C-alpha atoms as a PDB file:
ATOM      1  CA  MET A   1     -37.340 117.838  96.181  1.00  0.00           C
ATOM      2  CA  GLY A   2     -35.349 115.785  93.657  1.00  0.00           C
ATOM      3  CA  PHE A   3     -35.732 118.624  91.154  1.00  0.00           C
ATOM      4  CA  ALA A   4     -34.442 121.130  93.716  1.00  0.00           C
ATOM      5  CA  ARG A   5     -31.426 118.972  94.475  1.00  0.00           C
ATOM      6  CA  SER A   6     -30.814 118.580  90.746  1.00  0.00           C
ATOM      7  CA  MET A   7     -30.980 122.331  90.213  1.00  0.00           C
ATOM      8  CA  SER A   8     -28.741 122.942  93.223  1.00  0.00           C
ATOM      9  CA  GLY A   9     -26.205 120.461  91.898  1.00  0.00           C
ATOM     10  CA  ALA A  10     -26.313 122.010  88.431  1.00  0.00           C
ATOM     11  CA  LEU A  11     -25.797 125.475  89.908  1.00  0.00           C
ATOM     12  CA  ALA A  12     -22.845 124.263  91.972  1.00  0.00           C
ATOM     13  CA  SER A  13     -21.297 122.630  88.889  1.00  0.00           C
ATOM     14  CA  ALA A  14     -21.781 125.812  86.886  1.00  0.00           C
ATOM     15  CA  MET A  15     -20.151 127.861  89.630  1.00  0.00           C
ATOM     16  CA  LEU A  16     -17.183 125.471  89.837  1.00  0.00           C
ATOM     17  CA  CYS A  17     -16.840 125.616  86.062  1.00  0.00           C
ATOM     18  CA  ALA A  18     -16.916 129.420  86.136  1.00  0.00           C
ATOM     19  CA  LEU A  19     -14.268 129.499  88.856  1.00  0.00           C
ATOM     20  CA  SER A  20     -12.120 127.103  86.851  1.00  0.00           C
ATOM     21  CA  VAL A  21     -12.415 129.229  83.712  1.00  0.00           C
ATOM     22  CA  SER A  22     -11.669 132.374  85.727  1.00  0.00           C
ATOM     23  CA  ALA A  23      -8.553 130.786  87.221  1.00  0.00           C
ATOM     24  CA  ALA A  24      -7.350 129.750  83.767  1.00  0.00           C
ATOM     25  CA  SER A  25      -8.077 133.130  82.248  1.00  0.00           C
ATOM     26  CA  ALA A  26      -5.186 134.996  83.877  1.00  0.00           C
ATOM     27  CA  GLN A  27      -2.482 132.364  83.814  1.00  0.00           C
ATOM     28  CA  THR A  28      -0.197 133.670  81.061  1.00  0.00           C
ATOM     29  CA  LEU A  29       0.428 137.144  82.467  1.00  0.00           C
ATOM     30  CA  LYS A  30       1.163 135.653  85.889  1.00  0.00           C
ATOM     31  CA  ALA A  31       3.509 133.080  84.370  1.00  0.00           C
ATOM     32  CA  VAL A  32       5.376 135.776  82.431  1.00  0.00           C
ATOM     33  CA  LYS A  33       5.689 137.997  85.522  1.00  0.00           C
ATOM     34  CA  ASP A  34       6.790 135.118  87.759  1.00  0.00           C
ATOM     35  CA  ARG A  35       9.337 133.994  85.173  1.00  0.00           C
ATOM     36  CA  GLY A  36      10.504 137.561  84.549  1.00  0.00           C
ATOM     37  CA  GLU A  37      10.654 136.779  80.865  1.00  0.00           C
ATOM     38  CA  LEU A  38       8.366 136.583  77.839  1.00  0.00           C
ATOM     39  CA  ILE A  39       8.836 133.548  75.590  1.00  0.00           C
ATOM     40  CA  CYS A  40       8.056 134.606  72.025  1.00  0.00           C
ATOM     41  CA  GLY A  41       7.858 132.346  68.977  1.00  0.00           C
ATOM     42  CA  VAL A  42       9.394 133.897  65.849  1.00  0.00           C
ATOM     43  CA  SER A  43      10.606 132.803  62.413  1.00  0.00           C
ATOM     44  CA  GLN A  44      13.791 130.872  61.824  1.00  0.00           C
ATOM     45  CA  GLY A  45      15.250 133.924  60.139  1.00  0.00           C
ATOM     46  CA  LEU A  46      13.457 136.430  57.927  1.00  0.00           C
ATOM     47  CA  ALA A  47      15.100 139.790  57.317  1.00  0.00           C
ATOM     48  CA  GLY A  48      12.987 142.691  58.450  1.00  0.00           C
ATOM     49  CA  PHE A  49      10.682 140.559  60.589  1.00  0.00           C
ATOM     50  CA  SER A  50      12.702 138.303  62.876  1.00  0.00           C
ATOM     51  CA  ILE A  51      16.351 137.430  62.399  1.00  0.00           C
ATOM     52  CA  ALA A  52      19.337 136.915  64.690  1.00  0.00           C
ATOM     53  CA  ASP A  53      22.802 138.317  63.943  1.00  0.00           C
ATOM     54  CA  ASP A  54      26.078 136.434  64.436  1.00  0.00           C
ATOM     55  CA  LYS A  55      25.997 137.362  68.147  1.00  0.00           C
ATOM     56  CA  GLY A  56      22.488 136.012  68.620  1.00  0.00           C
ATOM     57  CA  VAL A  57      20.837 139.433  68.866  1.00  0.00           C
ATOM     58  CA  TRP A  58      17.363 139.420  67.341  1.00  0.00           C
ATOM     59  CA  SER A  59      15.845 142.261  65.331  1.00  0.00           C
ATOM     60  CA  GLY A  60      12.835 142.868  63.126  1.00  0.00           C
ATOM     61  CA  PHE A  61       9.219 143.989  62.988  1.00  0.00           C
ATOM     62  CA  ASP A  62       7.910 140.911  64.838  1.00  0.00           C
ATOM     63  CA  VAL A  63      10.809 141.035  67.299  1.00  0.00           C
ATOM     64  CA  ASP A  64       9.929 144.611  68.199  1.00  0.00           C
ATOM     65  CA  PHE A  65       6.334 143.560  68.788  1.00  0.00           C
ATOM     66  CA  CYS A  66       7.512 140.887  71.230  1.00  0.00           C
ATOM     67  CA  ARG A  67       9.611 143.498  73.003  1.00  0.00           C
ATOM     68  CA  ALA A  68       6.637 145.859  73.140  1.00  0.00           C
ATOM     69  CA  VAL A  69       4.557 143.166  74.866  1.00  0.00           C
ATOM     70  CA  ALA A  70       7.388 142.524  77.334  1.00  0.00           C
ATOM     71  CA  ALA A  71       7.669 146.243  78.051  1.00  0.00           C
ATOM     72  CA  ALA A  72       3.943 146.427  78.800  1.00  0.00           C
ATOM     73  CA  ALA A  73       3.709 143.179  80.768  1.00  0.00           C
ATOM     74  CA  ILE A  74       6.884 143.174  82.866  1.00  0.00           C
ATOM     75  CA  GLY A  75       8.379 146.622  82.329  1.00  0.00           C
ATOM     76  CA  ASP A  76      11.501 145.492  80.460  1.00  0.00           C
ATOM     77  CA  ALA A  77      11.634 145.108  76.678  1.00  0.00           C
ATOM     78  CA  ALA A  78      14.909 143.198  76.958  1.00  0.00           C
ATOM     79  CA  LYS A  79      13.318 140.361  78.916  1.00  0.00           C
ATOM     80  CA  VAL A  80      12.332 138.256  75.896  1.00  0.00           C
ATOM     81  CA  ARG A  81      13.473 134.769  74.979  1.00  0.00           C
ATOM     82  CA  PHE A  82      13.076 134.267  71.231  1.00  0.00           C
ATOM     83  CA  VAL A  83      12.221 130.752  70.042  1.00  0.00           C
ATOM     84  CA  PRO A  84      12.693 130.175  66.288  1.00  0.00           C
ATOM     85  CA  LEU A  85       9.892 128.009  64.885  1.00  0.00           C
ATOM     86  CA  SER A  86       9.273 126.480  61.481  1.00  0.00           C
ATOM     87  CA  ALA A  87       6.006 127.073  59.670  1.00  0.00           C
ATOM     88  CA  ALA A  88       4.963 123.492  60.346  1.00  0.00           C
ATOM     89  CA  GLU A  89       5.524 123.612  64.121  1.00  0.00           C
ATOM     90  CA  ARG A  90       4.586 127.197  65.055  1.00  0.00           C
ATOM     91  CA  PHE A  91       0.898 126.818  65.944  1.00  0.00           C
ATOM     92  CA  ALA A  92       1.325 123.546  67.836  1.00  0.00           C
ATOM     93  CA  ALA A  93       4.148 125.149  69.831  1.00  0.00           C
ATOM     94  CA  LEU A  94       1.797 127.946  70.880  1.00  0.00           C
ATOM     95  CA  ARG A  95      -1.094 125.593  71.641  1.00  0.00           C
ATOM     96  CA  ASP A  96       1.136 123.329  73.712  1.00  0.00           C
ATOM     97  CA  GLY A  97       2.479 126.183  75.848  1.00  0.00           C
ATOM     98  CA  LYS A  98       6.038 126.187  74.522  1.00  0.00           C
ATOM     99  CA  VAL A  99       5.721 129.924  73.853  1.00  0.00           C
ATOM    100  CA  ASP A 100       3.587 132.658  75.440  1.00  0.00           C
ATOM    101  CA  LEU A 101       3.078 134.514  72.194  1.00  0.00           C
ATOM    102  CA  LEU A 102       3.546 133.767  68.503  1.00  0.00           C
ATOM    103  CA  ALA A 103       4.771 136.715  66.421  1.00  0.00           C
ATOM    104  CA  ARG A 104       5.931 134.951  63.297  1.00  0.00           C
ATOM    105  CA  ASN A 105       4.596 136.601  60.125  1.00  0.00           C
ATOM    106  CA  SER A 106       1.579 134.261  60.259  1.00  0.00           C
ATOM    107  CA  THR A 107      -1.602 134.706  58.248  1.00  0.00           C
ATOM    108  CA  TRP A 108      -4.781 135.033  60.295  1.00  0.00           C
ATOM    109  CA  THR A 109      -7.318 132.397  59.215  1.00  0.00           C
ATOM    110  CA  LEU A 110     -10.408 130.896  60.823  1.00  0.00           C
ATOM    111  CA  SER A 111      -9.280 127.322  60.175  1.00  0.00           C
ATOM    112  CA  ARG A 112      -6.086 127.873  62.152  1.00  0.00           C
ATOM    113  CA  GLU A 113      -7.990 129.258  65.114  1.00  0.00           C
ATOM    114  CA  ILE A 114     -10.336 126.256  65.090  1.00  0.00           C
ATOM    115  CA  GLU A 115      -7.708 123.578  64.509  1.00  0.00           C
ATOM    116  CA  PHE A 116      -5.166 124.745  67.060  1.00  0.00           C
ATOM    117  CA  GLY A 117      -7.315 126.453  69.702  1.00  0.00           C
ATOM    118  CA  ILE A 118      -5.570 129.785  69.255  1.00  0.00           C
ATOM    119  CA  ALA A 119      -6.700 133.371  68.758  1.00  0.00           C
ATOM    120  CA  PHE A 120      -5.174 135.931  66.438  1.00  0.00           C
ATOM    121  CA  THR A 121      -5.011 139.359  68.049  1.00  0.00           C
ATOM    122  CA  GLY A 122      -5.200 141.768  65.106  1.00  0.00           C
ATOM    123  CA  ALA A 123      -3.392 142.383  61.834  1.00  0.00           C
ATOM    124  CA  THR A 124      -0.073 144.094  62.505  1.00  0.00           C
ATOM    125  CA  PHE A 125       0.907 143.830  58.829  1.00  0.00           C
ATOM    126  CA  TYR A 126      -1.408 143.597  55.821  1.00  0.00           C
ATOM    127  CA  ASP A 127       0.281 141.503  53.159  1.00  0.00           C
ATOM    128  CA  GLY A 128      -0.548 139.490  50.059  1.00  0.00           C
ATOM    129  CA  GLN A 129       1.005 136.611  48.160  1.00  0.00           C
ATOM    130  CA  GLY A 130       3.258 137.555  45.284  1.00  0.00           C
ATOM    131  CA  PHE A 131       5.802 136.144  42.841  1.00  0.00           C
ATOM    132  CA  LEU A 132       9.549 136.571  42.407  1.00  0.00           C
ATOM    133  CA  VAL A 133      10.939 135.843  38.942  1.00  0.00           C
ATOM    134  CA  PRO A 134      14.229 136.365  37.100  1.00  0.00           C
ATOM    135  CA  ARG A 135      14.279 139.741  35.406  1.00  0.00           C
ATOM    136  CA  ALA A 136      15.587 138.015  32.271  1.00  0.00           C
ATOM    137  CA  SER A 137      12.297 136.099  31.962  1.00  0.00           C
ATOM    138  CA  SER A 138      10.621 139.376  30.926  1.00  0.00           C
ATOM    139  CA  LYS A 139       7.523 138.377  32.881  1.00  0.00           C
ATOM    140  CA  THR A 140       5.535 141.389  34.073  1.00  0.00           C
ATOM    141  CA  SER A 141       2.359 139.748  35.371  1.00  0.00           C
ATOM    142  CA  ALA A 142       1.302 136.690  37.333  1.00  0.00           C
ATOM    143  CA  TYR A 143      -1.091 135.963  34.468  1.00  0.00           C
ATOM    144  CA  GLU A 144       1.925 135.184  32.262  1.00  0.00           C
ATOM    145  CA  LEU A 145       3.107 132.275  34.432  1.00  0.00           C
ATOM    146  CA  ASP A 146       1.286 129.432  32.660  1.00  0.00           C
ATOM    147  CA  GLY A 147       3.397 126.267  32.925  1.00  0.00           C
ATOM    148  CA  ALA A 148       5.678 127.685  35.645  1.00  0.00           C
ATOM    149  CA  LYS A 149       7.529 125.597  38.221  1.00  0.00           C
ATOM    150  CA  VAL A 150       6.782 127.380  41.497  1.00  0.00           C
ATOM    151  CA  CYS A 151       8.804 126.989  44.699  1.00  0.00           C
ATOM    152  CA  VAL A 152       6.747 127.334  47.895  1.00  0.00           C
ATOM    153  CA  GLN A 153       7.283 126.639  51.581  1.00  0.00           C
ATOM    154  CA  ALA A 154       5.346 123.686  52.962  1.00  0.00           C
ATOM    155  CA  GLY A 155       2.980 124.259  55.878  1.00  0.00           C
ATOM    156  CA  THR A 156       1.838 127.698  54.713  1.00  0.00           C
ATOM    157  CA  THR A 157      -1.202 129.119  52.914  1.00  0.00           C
ATOM    158  CA  THR A 158       0.990 129.635  49.838  1.00  0.00           C
ATOM    159  CA  LYS A 159       0.398 126.226  48.256  1.00  0.00           C
ATOM    160  CA  ASP A 160      -3.409 126.383  48.301  1.00  0.00           C
ATOM    161  CA  ASN A 161      -3.372 129.955  46.986  1.00  0.00           C
ATOM    162  CA  ILE A 162      -1.191 128.874  44.046  1.00  0.00           C
ATOM    163  CA  VAL A 163      -3.427 125.945  43.179  1.00  0.00           C
ATOM    164  CA  GLU A 164      -6.571 128.073  43.343  1.00  0.00           C
ATOM    165  CA  PHE A 165      -5.097 130.995  41.378  1.00  0.00           C
ATOM    166  CA  PHE A 166      -3.747 128.886  38.521  1.00  0.00           C
ATOM    167  CA  ALA A 167      -6.930 126.787  38.284  1.00  0.00           C
ATOM    168  CA  ALA A 168      -9.148 129.875  38.292  1.00  0.00           C
ATOM    169  CA  ASN A 169      -7.160 131.309  35.395  1.00  0.00           C
ATOM    170  CA  SER A 170      -6.931 128.063  33.384  1.00  0.00           C
ATOM    171  CA  MET A 171      -3.180 127.900  33.790  1.00  0.00           C
ATOM    172  CA  LYS A 172      -0.925 124.970  34.609  1.00  0.00           C
ATOM    173  CA  GLN A 173       1.784 124.896  37.246  1.00  0.00           C
ATOM    174  CA  GLU A 174       4.180 122.500  38.942  1.00  0.00           C
ATOM    175  CA  LEU A 175       4.678 122.954  42.672  1.00  0.00           C
ATOM    176  CA  VAL A 176       8.047 122.401  44.310  1.00  0.00           C
ATOM    177  CA  GLU A 177       7.491 122.254  48.083  1.00  0.00           C
ATOM    178  CA  LEU A 178      10.385 122.954  50.447  1.00  0.00           C
ATOM    179  CA  GLY A 179      10.656 122.786  54.221  1.00  0.00           C
ATOM    180  CA  SER A 180      11.892 126.308  54.950  1.00  0.00           C
ATOM    181  CA  PRO A 181      12.252 129.723  53.302  1.00  0.00           C
ATOM    182  CA  ALA A 182      16.006 129.141  52.962  1.00  0.00           C
ATOM    183  CA  GLU A 183      15.434 125.845  51.144  1.00  0.00           C
ATOM    184  CA  ALA A 184      12.858 127.411  48.858  1.00  0.00           C
ATOM    185  CA  LEU A 185      15.202 130.281  48.007  1.00  0.00           C
ATOM    186  CA  LYS A 186      18.071 127.882  47.320  1.00  0.00           C
ATOM    187  CA  ALA A 187      15.894 125.792  45.000  1.00  0.00           C
ATOM    188  CA  TYR A 188      14.901 128.931  43.111  1.00  0.00           C
ATOM    189  CA  GLU A 189      18.494 130.132  42.876  1.00  0.00           C
ATOM    190  CA  GLU A 190      19.636 126.730  41.598  1.00  0.00           C
ATOM    191  CA  GLY A 191      16.954 126.727  38.896  1.00  0.00           C
ATOM    192  CA  ARG A 192      14.857 123.879  40.291  1.00  0.00           C
ATOM    193  CA  CYS A 193      11.934 126.275  39.841  1.00  0.00           C
ATOM    194  CA  ASN A 194      11.584 129.455  37.830  1.00  0.00           C
ATOM    195  CA  VAL A 195       9.205 131.241  40.222  1.00  0.00           C
ATOM    196  CA  LEU A 196       9.359 131.769  43.988  1.00  0.00           C
ATOM    197  CA  SER A 197       6.041 132.529  45.670  1.00  0.00           C
ATOM    198  CA  SER A 198       5.368 133.742  49.210  1.00  0.00           C
ATOM    199  CA  ASP A 199       4.031 136.786  51.015  1.00  0.00           C
ATOM    200  CA  ALA A 200       5.258 139.878  49.178  1.00  0.00           C
ATOM    201  CA  SER A 201       7.000 141.122  52.323  1.00  0.00           C
ATOM    202  CA  GLN A 202       8.960 137.880  52.550  1.00  0.00           C
ATOM    203  CA  LEU A 203       9.931 138.111  48.885  1.00  0.00           C
ATOM    204  CA  HIS A 204      11.442 141.551  49.532  1.00  0.00           C
ATOM    205  CA  ALA A 205      13.575 139.995  52.257  1.00  0.00           C
ATOM    206  CA  GLU A 206      14.538 136.895  50.308  1.00  0.00           C
ATOM    207  CA  ARG A 207      15.541 138.837  47.206  1.00  0.00           C
ATOM    208  CA  LEU A 208      18.243 140.601  49.236  1.00  0.00           C
ATOM    209  CA  ARG A 209      19.809 137.201  49.973  1.00  0.00           C
ATOM    210  CA  LEU A 210      20.354 136.393  46.297  1.00  0.00           C
ATOM    211  CA  ALA A 211      23.820 136.869  44.818  1.00  0.00           C
ATOM    212  CA  LYS A 212      22.509 139.518  42.423  1.00  0.00           C
ATOM    213  CA  PRO A 213      19.215 140.910  43.784  1.00  0.00           C
ATOM    214  CA  GLY A 214      18.853 143.361  40.902  1.00  0.00           C
ATOM    215  CA  GLU A 215      18.489 140.485  38.452  1.00  0.00           C
ATOM    216  CA  HIS A 216      15.198 139.438  40.043  1.00  0.00           C
ATOM    217  CA  VAL A 217      11.867 141.224  40.182  1.00  0.00           C
ATOM    218  CA  ILE A 218       8.729 140.976  42.315  1.00  0.00           C
ATOM    219  CA  LEU A 219       5.671 141.052  40.079  1.00  0.00           C
ATOM    220  CA  ALA A 220       3.052 143.677  40.863  1.00  0.00           C
ATOM    221  CA  ASP A 221       0.172 141.194  41.105  1.00  0.00           C
ATOM    222  CA  VAL A 222      -0.954 140.070  44.553  1.00  0.00           C
ATOM    223  CA  ILE A 223      -3.206 137.003  44.544  1.00  0.00           C
ATOM    224  CA  SER A 224      -4.409 136.742  48.136  1.00  0.00           C
ATOM    225  CA  LYS A 225      -5.196 138.505  51.372  1.00  0.00           C
ATOM    226  CA  GLU A 226      -2.542 137.770  54.001  1.00  0.00           C
ATOM    227  CA  PRO A 227      -3.271 139.685  57.216  1.00  0.00           C
ATOM    228  CA  LEU A 228      -0.261 138.845  59.384  1.00  0.00           C
ATOM    229  CA  SER A 229      -1.111 138.715  63.062  1.00  0.00           C
ATOM    230  CA  PRO A 230       0.370 137.713  66.405  1.00  0.00           C
ATOM    231  CA  ALA A 231      -1.460 134.850  68.097  1.00  0.00           C
ATOM    232  CA  VAL A 232      -2.133 133.603  71.629  1.00  0.00           C
ATOM    233  CA  ARG A 233      -3.924 130.606  73.118  1.00  0.00           C
ATOM    234  CA  ASP A 234      -7.676 131.148  73.128  1.00  0.00           C
ATOM    235  CA  ASN A 235      -8.235 130.105  76.762  1.00  0.00           C
ATOM    236  CA  ASP A 236      -6.757 133.265  78.303  1.00  0.00           C
ATOM    237  CA  ALA A 237      -8.918 136.308  77.672  1.00  0.00           C
ATOM    238  CA  GLN A 238      -6.771 138.665  79.739  1.00  0.00           C
ATOM    239  CA  TRP A 239      -3.562 137.824  77.887  1.00  0.00           C
ATOM    240  CA  GLY A 240      -5.299 138.060  74.522  1.00  0.00           C
ATOM    241  CA  ARG A 241      -6.634 141.491  75.457  1.00  0.00           C
ATOM    242  CA  ILE A 242      -3.162 142.701  76.480  1.00  0.00           C
ATOM    243  CA  VAL A 243      -1.529 141.565  73.240  1.00  0.00           C
ATOM    244  CA  THR A 244      -4.361 143.056  71.171  1.00  0.00           C
ATOM    245  CA  TRP A 245      -4.123 146.448  72.865  1.00  0.00           C
ATOM    246  CA  VAL A 246      -0.327 146.600  72.646  1.00  0.00           C
ATOM    247  CA  ASN A 247      -0.785 146.743  68.884  1.00  0.00           C
ATOM    248  CA  PHE A 248      -3.596 149.299  69.151  1.00  0.00           C
ATOM    249  CA  ALA A 249      -1.570 151.475  71.532  1.00  0.00           C
ATOM    250  CA  MET A 250       1.305 151.619  69.033  1.00  0.00           C
ATOM    251  CA  LEU A 251      -1.092 152.634  66.259  1.00  0.00           C
ATOM    252  CA  GLN A 252      -2.847 155.201  68.456  1.00  0.00           C
ATOM    253  CA  ALA A 253       0.521 156.644  69.441  1.00  0.00           C
ATOM    254  CA  GLU A 254       1.458 157.201  65.803  1.00  0.00           C
ATOM    255  CA  GLU A 255      -1.915 158.755  65.049  1.00  0.00           C
ATOM    256  CA  LEU A 256      -1.550 161.155  67.982  1.00  0.00           C
ATOM    257  CA  GLY A 257       2.055 162.054  67.147  1.00  0.00           C
ATOM    258  CA  VAL A 258       3.393 160.330  70.248  1.00  0.00           C
ATOM    259  CA  SER A 259       6.802 158.812  69.475  1.00  0.00           C
ATOM    260  CA  SER A 260       9.945 157.713  71.269  1.00  0.00           C
ATOM    261  CA  LYS A 261      11.210 161.283  70.754  1.00  0.00           C
ATOM    262  CA  THR A 262       8.081 163.036  72.045  1.00  0.00           C
ATOM    263  CA  ILE A 263       6.957 160.717  74.843  1.00  0.00           C
ATOM    264  CA  ASP A 264       8.146 163.048  77.634  1.00  0.00           C
ATOM    265  CA  ALA A 265       6.154 165.927  76.166  1.00  0.00           C
ATOM    266  CA  ALA A 266       3.148 163.624  75.824  1.00  0.00           C
ATOM    267  CA  LEU A 267       3.181 163.037  79.572  1.00  0.00           C
ATOM    268  CA  GLN A 268       2.533 166.765  80.008  1.00  0.00           C
ATOM    269  CA  SER A 269      -0.109 166.968  77.277  1.00  0.00           C
ATOM    270  CA  LYS A 270      -3.518 168.524  77.912  1.00  0.00           C
ATOM    271  CA  LYS A 271      -5.134 166.626  75.018  1.00  0.00           C
ATOM    272  CA  PRO A 272      -7.665 164.091  76.355  1.00  0.00           C
ATOM    273  CA  ASP A 273      -6.776 161.313  73.878  1.00  0.00           C
ATOM    274  CA  VAL A 274      -3.077 161.622  74.658  1.00  0.00           C
ATOM    275  CA  ARG A 275      -3.730 161.648  78.402  1.00  0.00           C
ATOM    276  CA  TRP A 276      -5.775 158.430  78.132  1.00  0.00           C
ATOM    277  CA  LEU A 277      -2.982 156.791  76.131  1.00  0.00           C
ATOM    278  CA  VAL A 278      -0.143 157.698  78.479  1.00  0.00           C
ATOM    279  CA  GLY A 279      -2.154 156.960  81.615  1.00  0.00           C
ATOM    280  CA  THR A 280      -2.419 160.426  83.155  1.00  0.00           C
ATOM    281  CA  ASP A 281      -6.206 159.998  82.909  1.00  0.00           C
ATOM    282  CA  GLY A 282      -8.212 156.870  83.656  1.00  0.00           C
ATOM    283  CA  ALA A 283      -7.116 153.487  84.951  1.00  0.00           C
ATOM    284  CA  LEU A 284      -6.873 151.466  81.741  1.00  0.00           C
ATOM    285  CA  GLY A 285      -3.529 149.915  82.585  1.00  0.00           C
ATOM    286  CA  GLU A 286      -4.792 148.594  85.888  1.00  0.00           C
ATOM    287  CA  GLY A 287      -7.851 147.227  84.094  1.00  0.00           C
ATOM    288  CA  LEU A 288      -5.541 145.182  81.872  1.00  0.00           C
ATOM    289  CA  GLY A 289      -3.605 143.900  84.859  1.00  0.00           C
ATOM    290  CA  LEU A 290      -0.677 146.180  84.040  1.00  0.00           C
ATOM    291  CA  THR A 291       0.539 149.549  85.325  1.00  0.00           C
ATOM    292  CA  LYS A 292      -0.918 152.893  84.319  1.00  0.00           C
ATOM    293  CA  ASP A 293       2.132 153.729  82.193  1.00  0.00           C
ATOM    294  CA  TRP A 294       1.967 150.510  80.123  1.00  0.00           C
ATOM    295  CA  ALA A 295       1.705 152.380  76.799  1.00  0.00           C
ATOM    296  CA  VAL A 296       4.480 154.776  77.799  1.00  0.00           C
ATOM    297  CA  ARG A 297       6.779 151.825  78.394  1.00  0.00           C
ATOM    298  CA  ILE A 298       5.971 150.461  74.931  1.00  0.00           C
ATOM    299  CA  VAL A 299       6.729 153.721  73.141  1.00  0.00           C
ATOM    300  CA  ARG A 300       9.938 154.310  75.116  1.00  0.00           C
ATOM    301  CA  ALA A 301      11.142 150.805  74.299  1.00  0.00           C
ATOM    302  CA  VAL A 302      10.322 150.399  70.588  1.00  0.00           C
ATOM    303  CA  GLY A 303       8.507 153.533  69.409  1.00  0.00           C
ATOM    304  CA  ASN A 304       5.087 153.848  67.806  1.00  0.00           C
ATOM    305  CA  TYR A 305       3.849 151.706  64.908  1.00  0.00           C
ATOM    306  CA  GLY A 306       5.341 153.974  62.239  1.00  0.00           C
ATOM    307  CA  GLU A 307       8.746 153.971  63.907  1.00  0.00           C
ATOM    308  CA  VAL A 308       8.760 150.175  64.117  1.00  0.00           C
ATOM    309  CA  TYR A 309       7.653 149.851  60.488  1.00  0.00           C
ATOM    310  CA  ASP A 310      10.172 152.318  59.066  1.00  0.00           C
ATOM    311  CA  ARG A 311      13.089 150.944  61.079  1.00  0.00           C
ATOM    312  CA  ASN A 312      12.555 147.314  60.125  1.00  0.00           C
ATOM    313  CA  VAL A 313      10.867 147.103  56.734  1.00  0.00           C
ATOM    314  CA  GLY A 314      10.195 150.652  55.496  1.00  0.00           C
ATOM    315  CA  ASP A 315      12.119 153.739  54.475  1.00  0.00           C
ATOM    316  CA  ASP A 316      14.910 153.338  57.043  1.00  0.00           C
ATOM    317  CA  SER A 317      15.532 149.675  56.215  1.00  0.00           C
ATOM    318  CA  ARG A 318      17.170 147.723  53.392  1.00  0.00           C
ATOM    319  CA  LEU A 319      13.814 146.247  52.387  1.00  0.00           C
ATOM    320  CA  GLN A 320      12.174 149.581  51.513  1.00  0.00           C
ATOM    321  CA  ILE A 321       8.662 148.092  51.507  1.00  0.00           C
ATOM    322  CA  PRO A 322       6.121 150.865  50.814  1.00  0.00           C
ATOM    323  CA  ARG A 323       3.587 151.236  53.635  1.00  0.00           C
ATOM    324  CA  GLY A 324       0.670 150.829  51.258  1.00  0.00           C
ATOM    325  CA  LEU A 325      -2.195 149.143  53.088  1.00  0.00           C
ATOM    326  CA  ASN A 326      -0.223 149.524  56.317  1.00  0.00           C
ATOM    327  CA  GLN A 327      -0.641 153.279  56.339  1.00  0.00           C
ATOM    328  CA  LEU A 328      -2.902 154.641  59.035  1.00  0.00           C
ATOM    329  CA  TRP A 329      -6.543 154.908  58.034  1.00  0.00           C
ATOM    330  CA  SER A 330      -6.170 158.685  58.054  1.00  0.00           C
ATOM    331  CA  SER A 331      -3.556 158.351  55.287  1.00  0.00           C
ATOM    332  CA  GLY A 332      -5.556 155.939  53.133  1.00  0.00           C
ATOM    333  CA  GLY A 333      -4.400 152.669  54.687  1.00  0.00           C
ATOM    334  CA  LEU A 334      -6.105 149.917  56.681  1.00  0.00           C
ATOM    335  CA  GLN A 335      -4.362 150.360  60.034  1.00  0.00           C
ATOM    336  CA  TYR A 336      -7.002 151.548  62.451  1.00  0.00           C
ATOM    337  CA  ALA A 337      -7.006 151.385  66.245  1.00  0.00           C
ATOM    338  CA  PRO A 338     -10.130 151.602  68.394  1.00  0.00           C
ATOM    339  CA  PRO A 339      -9.860 154.507  70.863  1.00  0.00           C
ATOM    340  CA  VAL A 340      -7.534 153.850  73.775  1.00  0.00           C
ATOM    341  CA  LYS A 341      -9.869 155.441  76.308  1.00  0.00           C
END
């Protein structure tokens, strides 16, 4: 009898726990819908990724991703409040509920997921750490930087990568740690260091801020893997699934030739994969807690992945960053979306 009561009590506790987890698992989407606004954590200002103009209007690759999520979740890409966050505070801000989503050129690592209780949702941009040096130095390789003074931003993976790379190649270095990208760039420009190191994409952006960009060069060597990914809290499976599939829908759209210019034609398409994507077949949107045209709203608002890339960091931008690893898998890159079906 005591055993039966014990088992009954254990079952009741398990059921209460399951109900509690279930209630917590859909809280972010509801909060965003009730608020009528997505709160998105972004950088403090990085050209091509997330930067505000003199009127406070944000633009960039990460900004467009935030708008894509807003378009899918609440039907309006303009309903986003952008919160600029430093590298040191970004993950705690997400964990503590100050933002719904972090889209801040952040490297996906296991240690960050464990330490902060967050979940990365998929690499939107494959990057790697590089080096910016004065052209006059005549340096052509990272392996020629023995004895360099290297400026890095504190609170990033950059410092550890530098230490490991120089030690592995029996080279010496002196680190100069700064609190923000702007401070690191200023230190480099003032000659307090003779090398600036960060993600290669960030170096492309920072070089444009120098008085004479042409007098500085980004070395070809990349010393790390830096898969940049949006992140969410790990206690909300539904919200994590939505953010993950927003990225995949944008990739699938590019692969299928569905763009902001062809979306109306796509709604009339007879191709099964296109019909699944735009919601004329199946009930995938409803399964996510969204509407059937969730992917259509994304593409109308910001375009497919290729459009977002080209506009912000690629051929149609000042940065002119080659797509490289960020090409679709069918073009030799790493960007690959599971079937949206």
